[in-house]
Amino acid sequence: MGVQEIAAGLKSKVESAGFDKSVKFDTGSDGVIVIDGASISTTDAPTDCTIKLSLDDLESLIAGDLNPTMAFMTGKLKIEGDMSVAMALSQLIG
């Protein structure tokens, strides 16, 4: 699965979540997913928080197979910017 498919799968959750921040999932050469409030895109843009991780780990995270706290603690994902925004993401991918 690529970033386009992941973004498409998250679209309905993002539109109905009432999320009011912006966050970017940066998978390096595989691309980015930017969530800005109720919109989602795969075009790079500045955000409140950037979460860097591999595409495989992003898929596992969204599927609920990867615990975000453990992924952070083990270095599978790195957070830049506002950490509270990353914490609020649980309403979207929980």
C-alpha atoms as a PDB file:
ATOM      1  CA  MET A   1       0.000   0.000   0.000  1.00  0.00           C
ATOM      2  CA  GLY A   2       1.271   3.485  -0.848  1.00  0.00           C
ATOM      3  CA  VAL A   3       0.661   6.879   0.740  1.00  0.00           C
ATOM      4  CA  GLN A   4      -2.236   7.569  -1.670  1.00  0.00           C
ATOM      5  CA  GLU A   5      -4.107   4.458  -0.504  1.00  0.00           C
ATOM      6  CA  ILE A   6      -3.402   5.169   3.166  1.00  0.00           C
ATOM      7  CA  ALA A   7      -4.590   8.787   2.759  1.00  0.00           C
ATOM      8  CA  ALA A   8      -7.749   7.590   1.001  1.00  0.00           C
ATOM      9  CA  GLY A   9      -8.427   5.138   3.830  1.00  0.00           C
ATOM     10  CA  LEU A  10      -8.013   7.857   6.465  1.00  0.00           C
ATOM     11  CA  LYS A  11     -10.124  10.451   4.638  1.00  0.00           C
ATOM     12  CA  SER A  12     -13.484   9.651   6.276  1.00  0.00           C
ATOM     13  CA  LYS A  13     -11.918   9.462   9.763  1.00  0.00           C
ATOM     14  CA  VAL A  14     -10.137  12.783   9.255  1.00  0.00           C
ATOM     15  CA  GLU A  15     -13.261  14.544   7.961  1.00  0.00           C
ATOM     16  CA  SER A  16     -15.374  13.447  10.944  1.00  0.00           C
ATOM     17  CA  ALA A  17     -12.812  13.597  13.784  1.00  0.00           C
ATOM     18  CA  GLY A  18     -12.949  17.287  14.641  1.00  0.00           C
ATOM     19  CA  PHE A  19      -9.130  17.359  14.597  1.00  0.00           C
ATOM     20  CA  ASP A  20      -8.037  21.010  14.543  1.00  0.00           C
ATOM     21  CA  LYS A  21      -4.252  20.774  14.179  1.00  0.00           C
ATOM     22  CA  SER A  22      -1.941  19.865  11.330  1.00  0.00           C
ATOM     23  CA  VAL A  23       0.370  16.874  11.189  1.00  0.00           C
ATOM     24  CA  LYS A  24       2.575  15.326   8.549  1.00  0.00           C
ATOM     25  CA  PHE A  25       3.494  11.659   8.237  1.00  0.00           C
ATOM     26  CA  ASP A  26       6.854  11.723   6.459  1.00  0.00           C
ATOM     27  CA  THR A  27       7.835   8.349   5.006  1.00  0.00           C
ATOM     28  CA  GLY A  28      10.929   9.703   3.249  1.00  0.00           C
ATOM     29  CA  SER A  29      11.176   8.717  -0.405  1.00  0.00           C
ATOM     30  CA  ASP A  30       7.749   7.009  -0.221  1.00  0.00           C
ATOM     31  CA  GLY A  31       6.025  10.378   0.243  1.00  0.00           C
ATOM     32  CA  VAL A  32       4.048  12.329   2.828  1.00  0.00           C
ATOM     33  CA  ILE A  33       0.523  12.454   4.170  1.00  0.00           C
ATOM     34  CA  VAL A  34      -0.537  15.853   5.497  1.00  0.00           C
ATOM     35  CA  ILE A  35      -3.578  16.117   7.751  1.00  0.00           C
ATOM     36  CA  ASP A  36      -4.696  19.709   8.266  1.00  0.00           C
ATOM     37  CA  GLY A  37      -7.873  19.920  10.294  1.00  0.00           C
ATOM     38  CA  ALA A  38     -10.543  18.080   8.307  1.00  0.00           C
ATOM     39  CA  SER A  39      -8.509  17.827   5.106  1.00  0.00           C
ATOM     40  CA  ILE A  40      -5.918  15.268   4.030  1.00  0.00           C
ATOM     41  CA  SER A  41      -3.454  15.359   1.153  1.00  0.00           C
ATOM     42  CA  THR A  42      -0.235  13.824  -0.115  1.00  0.00           C
ATOM     43  CA  THR A  43       1.298  17.211  -0.953  1.00  0.00           C
ATOM     44  CA  ASP A  44       4.098  18.371   1.339  1.00  0.00           C
ATOM     45  CA  ALA A  45       3.240  21.400   3.487  1.00  0.00           C
ATOM     46  CA  PRO A  46       4.379  22.958   6.779  1.00  0.00           C
ATOM     47  CA  THR A  47       2.583  21.467   9.813  1.00  0.00           C
ATOM     48  CA  ASP A  48       2.421  21.778  13.611  1.00  0.00           C
ATOM     49  CA  CYS A  49       4.038  18.364  13.960  1.00  0.00           C
ATOM     50  CA  THR A  50       5.968  15.972  11.704  1.00  0.00           C
ATOM     51  CA  ILE A  51       6.092  12.245  12.370  1.00  0.00           C
ATOM     52  CA  LYS A  52       8.897  10.486  10.514  1.00  0.00           C
ATOM     53  CA  LEU A  53       8.591   6.739   9.989  1.00  0.00           C
ATOM     54  CA  SER A  54       8.833   4.084   7.310  1.00  0.00           C
ATOM     55  CA  LEU A  55       5.873   3.324   5.046  1.00  0.00           C
ATOM     56  CA  ASP A  56       5.651  -0.196   6.519  1.00  0.00           C
ATOM     57  CA  ASP A  57       5.527   1.206  10.066  1.00  0.00           C
ATOM     58  CA  LEU A  58       2.877   3.755   9.038  1.00  0.00           C
ATOM     59  CA  GLU A  59       0.718   0.939   7.650  1.00  0.00           C
ATOM     60  CA  SER A  60       1.160  -1.046  10.890  1.00  0.00           C
ATOM     61  CA  LEU A  61       0.380   2.040  12.997  1.00  0.00           C
ATOM     62  CA  ILE A  62      -2.864   2.763  11.118  1.00  0.00           C
ATOM     63  CA  ALA A  63      -3.875  -0.915  11.204  1.00  0.00           C
ATOM     64  CA  GLY A  64      -3.430  -0.903  14.992  1.00  0.00           C
ATOM     65  CA  ASP A  65      -0.597  -3.438  14.852  1.00  0.00           C
ATOM     66  CA  LEU A  66       2.086  -0.988  15.997  1.00  0.00           C
ATOM     67  CA  ASN A  67       1.822   0.717  19.380  1.00  0.00           C
ATOM     68  CA  PRO A  68       2.713   4.414  18.852  1.00  0.00           C
ATOM     69  CA  THR A  69       4.394   4.753  22.257  1.00  0.00           C
ATOM     70  CA  MET A  70       6.553   1.673  21.721  1.00  0.00           C
ATOM     71  CA  ALA A  71       7.387   2.808  18.176  1.00  0.00           C
ATOM     72  CA  PHE A  72       8.568   6.156  19.567  1.00  0.00           C
ATOM     73  CA  MET A  73      10.532   4.541  22.418  1.00  0.00           C
ATOM     74  CA  THR A  74      12.288   2.118  20.060  1.00  0.00           C
ATOM     75  CA  GLY A  75      13.077   4.786  17.469  1.00  0.00           C
ATOM     76  CA  LYS A  76      10.744   3.445  14.767  1.00  0.00           C
ATOM     77  CA  LEU A  77       9.098   6.853  14.627  1.00  0.00           C
ATOM     78  CA  LYS A  78      10.504  10.287  15.324  1.00  0.00           C
ATOM     79  CA  ILE A  79       8.452  13.357  16.198  1.00  0.00           C
ATOM     80  CA  GLU A  80       9.425  16.914  15.323  1.00  0.00           C
ATOM     81  CA  GLY A  81       7.426  19.924  16.478  1.00  0.00           C
ATOM     82  CA  ASP A  82       4.459  19.963  18.827  1.00  0.00           C
ATOM     83  CA  MET A  83       4.364  16.629  20.691  1.00  0.00           C
ATOM     84  CA  SER A  84       0.813  17.293  21.946  1.00  0.00           C
ATOM     85  CA  VAL A  85      -0.413  17.218  18.344  1.00  0.00           C
ATOM     86  CA  ALA A  86       1.067  13.737  17.934  1.00  0.00           C
ATOM     87  CA  MET A  87      -0.680  12.646  21.143  1.00  0.00           C
ATOM     88  CA  ALA A  88      -4.023  13.989  19.855  1.00  0.00           C
ATOM     89  CA  LEU A  89      -3.717  11.762  16.772  1.00  0.00           C
ATOM     90  CA  SER A  90      -5.091   8.832  18.731  1.00  0.00           C
ATOM     91  CA  GLN A  91      -8.596  10.115  17.905  1.00  0.00           C
ATOM     92  CA  LEU A  92      -7.784   9.567  14.209  1.00  0.00           C
ATOM     93  CA  ILE A  93      -5.823   6.347  14.196  1.00  0.00           C
ATOM     94  CA  GLY A  94      -6.875   4.758  17.464  1.00  0.00           C
END
